[in-house]
PDB file of N, CA and C in Angstrom:
ATOM      1  N   UNK A   1       0.622  -1.184   0.031  1.00  0.00           N
ATOM      2  CA  UNK A   1       0.007   0.045   0.208  1.00  0.00           C
ATOM      3  C   UNK A   1       0.768   1.275   0.170  1.00  0.00           C
ATOM      4  N   UNK A   2       0.413   2.068  -0.774  1.00  0.00           N
ATOM      5  CA  UNK A   2       1.379   3.635  -0.742  1.00  0.00           C
ATOM      6  C   UNK A   2       0.730   4.688  -0.463  1.00  0.00           C
ATOM      7  N   UNK A   3       1.170   5.548   0.198  1.00  0.00           N
ATOM      8  CA  UNK A   3       0.232   6.937   0.777  1.00  0.00           C
ATOM      9  C   UNK A   3       0.343   8.094  -0.626  1.00  0.00           C
ATOM     10  N   UNK A   4       1.333   7.823  -1.517  1.00  0.00           N
ATOM     11  CA  UNK A   4       1.254   8.548  -2.807  1.00  0.00           C
ATOM     12  C   UNK A   4       0.043   9.456  -3.386  1.00  0.00           C
ATOM     13  N   UNK A   5      -1.060   8.498  -3.354  1.00  0.00           N
ATOM     14  CA  UNK A   5      -2.374   8.965  -3.722  1.00  0.00           C
ATOM     15  C   UNK A   5      -2.829   9.840  -2.818  1.00  0.00           C
ATOM     16  N   UNK A   6      -2.956   9.431  -1.289  1.00  0.00           N
ATOM     17  CA  UNK A   6      -3.267  10.466  -0.588  1.00  0.00           C
ATOM     18  C   UNK A   6      -2.853  11.722  -0.561  1.00  0.00           C
ATOM     19  N   UNK A   7      -1.572  11.883  -0.821  1.00  0.00           N
ATOM     20  CA  UNK A   7      -0.443  13.114  -0.660  1.00  0.00           C
ATOM     21  C   UNK A   7      -0.786  13.821  -1.917  1.00  0.00           C
ATOM     22  N   UNK A   8      -1.378  13.510  -2.883  1.00  0.00           N
ATOM     23  CA  UNK A   8      -1.817  14.229  -4.028  1.00  0.00           C
ATOM     24  C   UNK A   8      -2.413  15.318  -3.737  1.00  0.00           C
ATOM     25  N   UNK A   9      -2.136  16.551  -4.205  1.00  0.00           N
ATOM     26  CA  UNK A   9      -2.620  17.898  -3.718  1.00  0.00           C
ATOM     27  C   UNK A   9      -2.974  18.607  -4.925  1.00  0.00           C
ATOM     28  N   UNK A  10      -3.877  19.730  -4.782  1.00  0.00           N
ATOM     29  CA  UNK A  10      -4.138  20.861  -5.565  1.00  0.00           C
ATOM     30  C   UNK A  10      -3.158  21.923  -5.323  1.00  0.00           C
ATOM     31  N   UNK A  11      -2.177  21.724  -4.641  1.00  0.00           N
ATOM     32  CA  UNK A  11      -1.419  23.084  -3.972  1.00  0.00           C
ATOM     33  C   UNK A  11      -1.875  23.570  -3.095  1.00  0.00           C
ATOM     34  N   UNK A  12      -2.863  22.944  -2.509  1.00  0.00           N
ATOM     35  CA  UNK A  12      -3.304  23.752  -1.197  1.00  0.00           C
ATOM     36  C   UNK A  12      -3.996  22.496  -0.019  1.00  0.00           C
ATOM     37  N   UNK A  13      -4.466  21.627  -0.836  1.00  0.00           N
ATOM     38  CA  UNK A  13      -4.706  20.482   0.444  1.00  0.00           C
ATOM     39  C   UNK A  13      -4.455  19.255  -0.408  1.00  0.00           C
ATOM     40  N   UNK A  14      -4.120  18.182   0.825  1.00  0.00           N
ATOM     41  CA  UNK A  14      -4.101  16.990  -0.051  1.00  0.00           C
ATOM     42  C   UNK A  14      -5.111  15.733   0.017  1.00  0.00           C
ATOM     43  N   UNK A  15      -5.526  14.899  -0.537  1.00  0.00           N
ATOM     44  CA  UNK A  15      -6.502  14.287  -0.567  1.00  0.00           C
ATOM     45  C   UNK A  15      -6.733  13.634   1.402  1.00  0.00           C
ATOM     46  N   UNK A  16      -5.899  13.080   1.747  1.00  0.00           N
ATOM     47  CA  UNK A  16      -5.815  12.513   3.224  1.00  0.00           C
ATOM     48  C   UNK A  16      -6.260  13.699   4.135  1.00  0.00           C
ATOM     49  N   UNK A  17      -5.876  14.830   4.154  1.00  0.00           N
ATOM     50  CA  UNK A  17      -6.164  15.966   4.497  1.00  0.00           C
ATOM     51  C   UNK A  17      -7.975  16.074   4.543  1.00  0.00           C
ATOM     52  N   UNK A  18      -7.903  16.246   3.127  1.00  0.00           N
ATOM     53  CA  UNK A  18      -9.622  16.676   2.984  1.00  0.00           C
ATOM     54  C   UNK A  18     -10.190  15.340   3.518  1.00  0.00           C
ATOM     55  N   UNK A  19     -10.195  14.277   3.426  1.00  0.00           N
ATOM     56  CA  UNK A  19     -11.006  13.288   3.840  1.00  0.00           C
ATOM     57  C   UNK A  19     -10.731  13.105   5.727  1.00  0.00           C
ATOM     58  N   UNK A  20      -9.932  13.254   6.138  1.00  0.00           N
ATOM     59  CA  UNK A  20      -9.796  13.624   7.654  1.00  0.00           C
ATOM     60  C   UNK A  20     -10.816  15.384   7.857  1.00  0.00           C
ATOM     61  N   UNK A  21     -10.704  15.583   7.460  1.00  0.00           N
ATOM     62  CA  UNK A  21     -11.642  17.291   7.478  1.00  0.00           C
ATOM     63  C   UNK A  21     -12.993  16.615   7.180  1.00  0.00           C
ATOM     64  N   UNK A  22     -13.444  16.055   6.221  1.00  0.00           N
ATOM     65  CA  UNK A  22     -14.875  15.573   6.180  1.00  0.00           C
ATOM     66  C   UNK A  22     -15.576  14.693   7.295  1.00  0.00           C
ATOM     67  N   UNK A  23     -14.790  13.890   7.647  1.00  0.00           N
ATOM     68  CA  UNK A  23     -14.798  13.173   9.164  1.00  0.00           C
ATOM     69  C   UNK A  23     -15.092  14.084  10.301  1.00  0.00           C
ATOM     70  N   UNK A  24     -14.158  14.664  10.405  1.00  0.00           N
ATOM     71  CA  UNK A  24     -14.207  15.725  11.978  1.00  0.00           C
ATOM     72  C   UNK A  24     -15.553  16.528  11.297  1.00  0.00           C
ATOM     73  N   UNK A  25     -15.703  17.404  10.588  1.00  0.00           N
ATOM     74  CA  UNK A  25     -16.746  17.963  10.039  1.00  0.00           C
ATOM     75  C   UNK A  25     -18.083  16.936  10.209  1.00  0.00           C
ATOM     76  N   UNK A  26     -18.291  15.634   9.787  1.00  0.00           N
ATOM     77  CA  UNK A  26     -19.418  14.799  10.230  1.00  0.00           C
ATOM     78  C   UNK A  26     -19.552  14.461  11.726  1.00  0.00           C
ATOM     79  N   UNK A  27     -18.376  14.323  12.394  1.00  0.00           N
ATOM     80  CA  UNK A  27     -18.488  14.019  13.777  1.00  0.00           C
ATOM     81  C   UNK A  27     -18.622  15.114  14.420  1.00  0.00           C
ATOM     82  N   UNK A  28     -18.725  16.313  14.219  1.00  0.00           N
ATOM     83  CA  UNK A  28     -18.853  17.742  14.968  1.00  0.00           C
ATOM     84  C   UNK A  28     -20.203  17.843  14.759  1.00  0.00           C
ATOM     85  N   UNK A  29     -20.738  17.873  13.617  1.00  0.00           N
ATOM     86  CA  UNK A  29     -22.073  17.883  13.092  1.00  0.00           C
ATOM     87  C   UNK A  29     -23.129  16.941  13.874  1.00  0.00           C
ATOM     88  N   UNK A  30     -22.797  16.133  13.899  1.00  0.00           N
ATOM     89  CA  UNK A  30     -23.431  14.661  14.698  1.00  0.00           C
ATOM     90  C   UNK A  30     -22.778  14.251  15.863  1.00  0.00           C
ATOM     91  N   UNK A  31     -22.294  14.614  16.948  1.00  0.00           N
ATOM     92  CA  UNK A  31     -21.178  14.163  17.911  1.00  0.00           C
ATOM     93  C   UNK A  31     -22.002  13.025  18.716  1.00  0.00           C
ATOM     94  N   UNK A  32     -23.441  13.016  18.859  1.00  0.00           N
ATOM     95  CA  UNK A  32     -24.089  12.006  19.447  1.00  0.00           C
ATOM     96  C   UNK A  32     -24.361  10.666  18.670  1.00  0.00           C
ATOM     97  N   UNK A  33     -24.073  10.550  17.392  1.00  0.00           N
ATOM     98  CA  UNK A  33     -24.537   9.582  16.856  1.00  0.00           C
ATOM     99  C   UNK A  33     -23.129   8.499  16.802  1.00  0.00           C
ATOM    100  N   UNK A  34     -21.875   8.958  17.183  1.00  0.00           N
ATOM    101  CA  UNK A  34     -20.837   7.844  17.005  1.00  0.00           C
ATOM    102  C   UNK A  34     -20.664   7.138  16.097  1.00  0.00           C
ATOM    103  N   UNK A  35     -20.727   7.784  14.851  1.00  0.00           N
ATOM    104  CA  UNK A  35     -20.503   7.066  13.843  1.00  0.00           C
ATOM    105  C   UNK A  35     -19.317   7.071  13.031  1.00  0.00           C
ATOM    106  N   UNK A  36     -18.572   8.066  13.558  1.00  0.00           N
ATOM    107  CA  UNK A  36     -17.135   8.226  13.086  1.00  0.00           C
ATOM    108  C   UNK A  36     -16.079   7.414  13.589  1.00  0.00           C
ATOM    109  N   UNK A  37     -15.287   6.536  13.114  1.00  0.00           N
ATOM    110  CA  UNK A  37     -14.307   5.362  13.576  1.00  0.00           C
ATOM    111  C   UNK A  37     -13.148   5.562  13.033  1.00  0.00           C
ATOM    112  N   UNK A  38     -12.430   4.681  13.522  1.00  0.00           N
ATOM    113  CA  UNK A  38     -11.129   4.484  12.932  1.00  0.00           C
ATOM    114  C   UNK A  38     -10.615   2.727  13.742  1.00  0.00           C
ATOM    115  N   UNK A  39     -10.146   2.344  13.143  1.00  0.00           N
ATOM    116  CA  UNK A  39      -9.909   1.236  13.575  1.00  0.00           C
ATOM    117  C   UNK A  39      -8.554   0.645  12.692  1.00  0.00           C
ATOM    118  N   UNK A  40      -7.561  -0.187  13.519  1.00  0.00           N
ATOM    119  CA  UNK A  40      -6.147  -1.051  12.561  1.00  0.00           C
ATOM    120  C   UNK A  40      -6.776  -2.420  12.271  1.00  0.00           C
ATOM    121  N   UNK A  41      -7.704  -2.912  12.567  1.00  0.00           N
ATOM    122  CA  UNK A  41      -7.837  -4.683  12.513  1.00  0.00           C
ATOM    123  C   UNK A  41      -9.255  -4.757  11.479  1.00  0.00           C
ATOM    124  N   UNK A  42      -9.006  -5.004  10.400  1.00  0.00           N
ATOM    125  CA  UNK A  42     -10.526  -5.794   9.782  1.00  0.00           C
ATOM    126  C   UNK A  42     -11.749  -6.471  10.666  1.00  0.00           C
ATOM    127  N   UNK A  43     -12.580  -6.399   9.959  1.00  0.00           N
ATOM    128  CA  UNK A  43     -13.443  -7.489  10.518  1.00  0.00           C
ATOM    129  C   UNK A  43     -13.278  -9.126  10.626  1.00  0.00           C
ATOM    130  N   UNK A  44     -12.591  -9.333   9.692  1.00  0.00           N
ATOM    131  CA  UNK A  44     -11.878 -10.621   9.545  1.00  0.00           C
ATOM    132  C   UNK A  44     -10.700 -11.023  10.252  1.00  0.00           C
ATOM    133  N   UNK A  45     -10.244  -9.643  11.113  1.00  0.00           N
ATOM    134  CA  UNK A  45      -8.960  -9.952  11.774  1.00  0.00           C
ATOM    135  C   UNK A  45      -7.783  -9.618  11.237  1.00  0.00           C
ATOM    136  N   UNK A  46      -7.717  -9.441   9.995  1.00  0.00           N
ATOM    137  CA  UNK A  46      -6.889  -9.328   9.533  1.00  0.00           C
ATOM    138  C   UNK A  46      -6.476  -7.713   9.464  1.00  0.00           C
ATOM    139  N   UNK A  47      -5.230  -7.345   9.203  1.00  0.00           N
ATOM    140  CA  UNK A  47      -4.720  -5.527   8.784  1.00  0.00           C
ATOM    141  C   UNK A  47      -3.830  -5.311   8.039  1.00  0.00           C
ATOM    142  N   UNK A  48      -3.469  -4.144   7.267  1.00  0.00           N
ATOM    143  CA  UNK A  48      -2.384  -3.662   6.541  1.00  0.00           C
ATOM    144  C   UNK A  48      -1.397  -2.863   7.600  1.00  0.00           C
ATOM    145  N   UNK A  49      -0.363  -3.323   7.617  1.00  0.00           N
ATOM    146  CA  UNK A  49       0.488  -3.045   8.841  1.00  0.00           C
ATOM    147  C   UNK A  49       1.146  -1.628   8.362  1.00  0.00           C
ATOM    148  N   UNK A  50       0.812  -0.810   9.464  1.00  0.00           N
ATOM    149  CA  UNK A  50       1.132   0.394   9.265  1.00  0.00           C
ATOM    150  C   UNK A  50       0.132   1.636   8.483  1.00  0.00           C
ATOM    151  N   UNK A  51      -1.295   0.703   8.549  1.00  0.00           N
ATOM    152  CA  UNK A  51      -2.377   1.451   7.870  1.00  0.00           C
ATOM    153  C   UNK A  51      -3.529   1.173   8.934  1.00  0.00           C
ATOM    154  N   UNK A  52      -4.614   2.417   8.789  1.00  0.00           N
ATOM    155  CA  UNK A  52      -5.887   2.091   9.500  1.00  0.00           C
ATOM    156  C   UNK A  52      -7.072   2.572   8.843  1.00  0.00           C
ATOM    157  N   UNK A  53      -7.931   2.079   9.065  1.00  0.00           N
ATOM    158  CA  UNK A  53      -9.334   2.796   8.274  1.00  0.00           C
ATOM    159  C   UNK A  53      -9.675   3.618   9.341  1.00  0.00           C
ATOM    160  N   UNK A  54     -10.302   4.951   8.424  1.00  0.00           N
ATOM    161  CA  UNK A  54     -11.473   5.883   9.059  1.00  0.00           C
ATOM    162  C   UNK A  54     -12.481   5.785   8.295  1.00  0.00           C
ATOM    163  N   UNK A  55     -13.738   5.874   9.178  1.00  0.00           N
ATOM    164  CA  UNK A  55     -14.914   5.547   8.655  1.00  0.00           C
ATOM    165  C   UNK A  55     -16.116   6.687   9.257  1.00  0.00           C
ATOM    166  N   UNK A  56     -16.962   6.608   8.317  1.00  0.00           N
ATOM    167  CA  UNK A  56     -18.307   7.097   9.056  1.00  0.00           C
ATOM    168  C   UNK A  56     -19.153   5.566   8.341  1.00  0.00           C
ATOM    169  N   UNK A  57     -19.952   5.832   9.659  1.00  0.00           N
ATOM    170  CA  UNK A  57     -20.898   4.961   9.695  1.00  0.00           C
ATOM    171  C   UNK A  57     -20.671   3.275  10.164  1.00  0.00           C
ATOM    172  N   UNK A  58     -21.302   2.737  10.645  1.00  0.00           N
ATOM    173  CA  UNK A  58     -21.442   1.089  10.633  1.00  0.00           C
ATOM    174  C   UNK A  58     -22.022   0.264  10.268  1.00  0.00           C
ATOM    175  N   UNK A  59     -23.403   0.638   9.524  1.00  0.00           N
ATOM    176  CA  UNK A  59     -24.097  -0.088   9.265  1.00  0.00           C
ATOM    177  C   UNK A  59     -23.625  -1.112   7.693  1.00  0.00           C
ATOM    178  N   UNK A  60     -23.705  -2.015   7.543  1.00  0.00           N
ATOM    179  CA  UNK A  60     -23.179  -3.098   6.418  1.00  0.00           C
ATOM    180  C   UNK A  60     -23.786  -2.017   4.956  1.00  0.00           C
ATOM    181  N   UNK A  61     -23.079  -1.590   4.141  1.00  0.00           N
ATOM    182  CA  UNK A  61     -23.427  -1.371   2.659  1.00  0.00           C
ATOM    183  C   UNK A  61     -23.885   0.275   2.997  1.00  0.00           C
ATOM    184  N   UNK A  62     -23.009   0.695   3.854  1.00  0.00           N
ATOM    185  CA  UNK A  62     -23.478   2.220   4.099  1.00  0.00           C
ATOM    186  C   UNK A  62     -22.296   3.043   4.315  1.00  0.00           C
ATOM    187  N   UNK A  63     -21.429   2.378   4.553  1.00  0.00           N
ATOM    188  CA  UNK A  63     -19.951   3.344   5.281  1.00  0.00           C
ATOM    189  C   UNK A  63     -19.682   3.846   4.235  1.00  0.00           C
ATOM    190  N   UNK A  64     -18.556   4.862   4.352  1.00  0.00           N
ATOM    191  CA  UNK A  64     -17.758   5.681   3.948  1.00  0.00           C
ATOM    192  C   UNK A  64     -15.848   5.220   4.592  1.00  0.00           C
ATOM    193  N   UNK A  65     -15.045   4.848   3.872  1.00  0.00           N
ATOM    194  CA  UNK A  65     -14.155   4.145   4.454  1.00  0.00           C
ATOM    195  C   UNK A  65     -12.624   4.823   3.739  1.00  0.00           C
ATOM    196  N   UNK A  66     -11.834   5.156   4.093  1.00  0.00           N
ATOM    197  CA  UNK A  66     -10.634   5.652   3.563  1.00  0.00           C
ATOM    198  C   UNK A  66      -9.380   4.716   4.454  1.00  0.00           C
ATOM    199  N   UNK A  67      -8.277   4.067   3.760  1.00  0.00           N
ATOM    200  CA  UNK A  67      -7.034   3.839   4.590  1.00  0.00           C
ATOM    201  C   UNK A  67      -6.399   5.139   4.938  1.00  0.00           C
ATOM    202  N   UNK A  68      -5.913   5.450   5.909  1.00  0.00           N
ATOM    203  CA  UNK A  68      -4.461   6.431   6.041  1.00  0.00           C
ATOM    204  C   UNK A  68      -3.511   5.397   6.807  1.00  0.00           C
ATOM    205  N   UNK A  69      -2.487   6.332   6.227  1.00  0.00           N
ATOM    206  CA  UNK A  69      -0.870   5.748   7.109  1.00  0.00           C
ATOM    207  C   UNK A  69      -1.337   5.913   8.379  1.00  0.00           C
ATOM    208  N   UNK A  70      -0.513   5.031   9.377  1.00  0.00           N
ATOM    209  CA  UNK A  70      -0.684   5.315  10.870  1.00  0.00           C
ATOM    210  C   UNK A  70      -0.172   6.483  11.407  1.00  0.00           C
ATOM    211  N   UNK A  71       0.806   7.289  10.359  1.00  0.00           N
ATOM    212  CA  UNK A  71       1.156   8.605  11.204  1.00  0.00           C
ATOM    213  C   UNK A  71       0.071   9.810  11.244  1.00  0.00           C
ATOM    214  N   UNK A  72      -0.755   9.457  10.629  1.00  0.00           N
ATOM    215  CA  UNK A  72      -2.570  10.189  10.712  1.00  0.00           C
ATOM    216  C   UNK A  72      -3.493   9.749  12.215  1.00  0.00           C
ATOM    217  N   UNK A  73      -3.067   8.819  12.928  1.00  0.00           N
ATOM    218  CA  UNK A  73      -3.850   8.161  13.805  1.00  0.00           C
ATOM    219  C   UNK A  73      -3.902   8.995  14.843  1.00  0.00           C
ATOM    220  N   UNK A  74      -3.078   9.588  15.387  1.00  0.00           N
ATOM    221  CA  UNK A  74      -3.416  10.774  16.593  1.00  0.00           C
ATOM    222  C   UNK A  74      -4.074  12.053  15.990  1.00  0.00           C
ATOM    223  N   UNK A  75      -4.158  12.196  14.759  1.00  0.00           N
ATOM    224  CA  UNK A  75      -4.929  13.390  13.995  1.00  0.00           C
ATOM    225  C   UNK A  75      -6.553  13.152  14.124  1.00  0.00           C
ATOM    226  N   UNK A  76      -6.613  11.729  13.982  1.00  0.00           N
ATOM    227  CA  UNK A  76      -8.019  11.260  14.033  1.00  0.00           C
ATOM    228  C   UNK A  76      -8.533  10.820  15.658  1.00  0.00           C
ATOM    229  N   UNK A  77      -7.832  11.617  16.348  1.00  0.00           N
ATOM    230  CA  UNK A  77      -8.587  11.243  17.974  1.00  0.00           C
ATOM    231  C   UNK A  77      -9.852  11.409  18.149  1.00  0.00           C
ATOM    232  N   UNK A  78     -10.423  12.575  17.231  1.00  0.00           N
ATOM    233  CA  UNK A  78     -12.139  12.644  17.136  1.00  0.00           C
ATOM    234  C   UNK A  78     -12.620  11.336  16.909  1.00  0.00           C
ATOM    235  N   UNK A  79     -12.483  10.507  16.385  1.00  0.00           N
ATOM    236  CA  UNK A  79     -13.186   9.358  15.829  1.00  0.00           C
ATOM    237  C   UNK A  79     -13.315   8.238  16.977  1.00  0.00           C
ATOM    238  N   UNK A  80     -14.255   7.419  17.013  1.00  0.00           N
ATOM    239  CA  UNK A  80     -14.259   6.603  18.029  1.00  0.00           C
ATOM    240  C   UNK A  80     -13.241   5.467  17.814  1.00  0.00           C
ATOM    241  N   UNK A  81     -12.253   4.893  18.207  1.00  0.00           N
ATOM    242  CA  UNK A  81     -11.648   3.858  18.313  1.00  0.00           C
ATOM    243  C   UNK A  81     -12.144   2.561  18.640  1.00  0.00           C
ATOM    244  N   UNK A  82     -12.445   1.705  17.599  1.00  0.00           N
ATOM    245  CA  UNK A  82     -13.122   0.553  17.165  1.00  0.00           C
ATOM    246  C   UNK A  82     -11.921  -0.310  17.545  1.00  0.00           C
ATOM    247  N   UNK A  83     -12.426  -1.573  18.005  1.00  0.00           N
ATOM    248  CA  UNK A  83     -11.502  -3.047  17.951  1.00  0.00           C
ATOM    249  C   UNK A  83     -11.000  -3.564  16.937  1.00  0.00           C
ATOM    250  N   UNK A  84     -12.148  -3.713  15.968  1.00  0.00           N
ATOM    251  CA  UNK A  84     -11.879  -3.986  14.964  1.00  0.00           C
ATOM    252  C   UNK A  84     -13.375  -3.169  13.857  1.00  0.00           C
ATOM    253  N   UNK A  85     -13.204  -3.251  12.577  1.00  0.00           N
ATOM    254  CA  UNK A  85     -13.857  -2.455  11.672  1.00  0.00           C
ATOM    255  C   UNK A  85     -15.176  -3.034  11.543  1.00  0.00           C
ATOM    256  N   UNK A  86     -16.164  -2.548  11.681  1.00  0.00           N
ATOM    257  CA  UNK A  86     -17.706  -3.133  11.293  1.00  0.00           C
ATOM    258  C   UNK A  86     -17.566  -3.995  10.150  1.00  0.00           C
ATOM    259  N   UNK A  87     -18.286  -4.766   9.741  1.00  0.00           N
ATOM    260  CA  UNK A  87     -18.691  -5.780   8.849  1.00  0.00           C
ATOM    261  C   UNK A  87     -18.862  -4.659   7.659  1.00  0.00           C
ATOM    262  N   UNK A  88     -18.371  -5.221   6.374  1.00  0.00           N
ATOM    263  CA  UNK A  88     -18.295  -4.062   5.627  1.00  0.00           C
ATOM    264  C   UNK A  88     -18.548  -4.932   3.959  1.00  0.00           C
ATOM    265  N   UNK A  89     -19.370  -4.123   2.877  1.00  0.00           N
ATOM    266  CA  UNK A  89     -19.427  -4.919   1.912  1.00  0.00           C
ATOM    267  C   UNK A  89     -18.477  -4.380   1.101  1.00  0.00           C
ATOM    268  N   UNK A  90     -18.285  -4.919  -0.162  1.00  0.00           N
ATOM    269  CA  UNK A  90     -16.973  -4.202  -1.166  1.00  0.00           C
ATOM    270  C   UNK A  90     -17.953  -3.048  -1.727  1.00  0.00           C
ATOM    271  N   UNK A  91     -17.275  -2.203  -2.090  1.00  0.00           N
ATOM    272  CA  UNK A  91     -17.916  -0.891  -3.013  1.00  0.00           C
ATOM    273  C   UNK A  91     -17.110  -0.225  -3.609  1.00  0.00           C
ATOM    274  N   UNK A  92     -17.540   0.382  -4.404  1.00  0.00           N
ATOM    275  CA  UNK A  92     -16.551   0.989  -5.601  1.00  0.00           C
ATOM    276  C   UNK A  92     -16.777   2.312  -5.530  1.00  0.00           C
ATOM    277  N   UNK A  93     -15.826   3.240  -6.041  1.00  0.00           N
ATOM    278  CA  UNK A  93     -15.677   4.356  -5.727  1.00  0.00           C
ATOM    279  C   UNK A  93     -17.048   5.263  -6.044  1.00  0.00           C
ATOM    280  N   UNK A  94     -17.767   4.736  -7.101  1.00  0.00           N
ATOM    281  CA  UNK A  94     -19.115   5.374  -7.252  1.00  0.00           C
ATOM    282  C   UNK A  94     -19.909   5.304  -5.853  1.00  0.00           C
ATOM    283  N   UNK A  95     -19.931   4.247  -5.328  1.00  0.00           N
ATOM    284  CA  UNK A  95     -21.159   4.143  -4.518  1.00  0.00           C
ATOM    285  C   UNK A  95     -20.338   4.526  -3.148  1.00  0.00           C
ATOM    286  N   UNK A  96     -19.044   5.294  -2.860  1.00  0.00           N
ATOM    287  CA  UNK A  96     -18.787   5.879  -2.160  1.00  0.00           C
ATOM    288  C   UNK A  96     -18.996   7.238  -2.253  1.00  0.00           C
ATOM    289  N   UNK A  97     -18.988   7.399  -3.232  1.00  0.00           N
ATOM    290  CA  UNK A  97     -19.111   8.876  -3.760  1.00  0.00           C
ATOM    291  C   UNK A  97     -20.599   9.664  -3.742  1.00  0.00           C
ATOM    292  N   UNK A  98     -21.680   8.514  -4.167  1.00  0.00           N
ATOM    293  CA  UNK A  98     -23.009   8.557  -3.563  1.00  0.00           C
ATOM    294  C   UNK A  98     -23.566   8.599  -2.037  1.00  0.00           C
ATOM    295  N   UNK A  99     -22.460   7.589  -1.390  1.00  0.00           N
ATOM    296  CA  UNK A  99     -23.041   7.787   0.309  1.00  0.00           C
ATOM    297  C   UNK A  99     -22.407   9.345   0.784  1.00  0.00           C
ATOM    298  N   UNK A 100     -21.258   9.714   0.342  1.00  0.00           N
ATOM    299  CA  UNK A 100     -20.692  11.166   0.586  1.00  0.00           C
ATOM    300  C   UNK A 100     -21.704  12.071   0.217  1.00  0.00           C
ATOM    301  N   UNK A 101     -22.505  12.138  -0.989  1.00  0.00           N
ATOM    302  CA  UNK A 101     -23.596  12.942  -1.118  1.00  0.00           C
ATOM    303  C   UNK A 101     -24.515  12.801  -0.375  1.00  0.00           C
ATOM    304  N   UNK A 102     -25.028  11.690   0.160  1.00  0.00           N
ATOM    305  CA  UNK A 102     -26.229  11.705   1.089  1.00  0.00           C
ATOM    306  C   UNK A 102     -25.516  12.199   2.264  1.00  0.00           C
ATOM    307  N   UNK A 103     -24.596  12.631   2.840  1.00  0.00           N
ATOM    308  CA  UNK A 103     -24.321  12.736   4.479  1.00  0.00           C
ATOM    309  C   UNK A 103     -24.964  14.211   4.753  1.00  0.00           C
TER     310      UNK A 103
END
């Protein structure tokens, strides 16, 4: 896994920064829902060493998730830390974009 795509920038913001900002905004807007989470362990107990998932939503088929390098872990302290990722389905980038539009 490489962080190069997440570091892509328009000259002002990197994708990683924008995704973290989206999650922080959602968490601040709906603080009692506890829908923003992070975890280093997949629901099948596997993991990508050095990476974690930051997600919005826990309902299967409704999540918005993104892998971030562990160097961003502390920056995401606003997110609920889960023992493992909620069960999720495979989704396409189109699925995720539609879910973001529904936020």
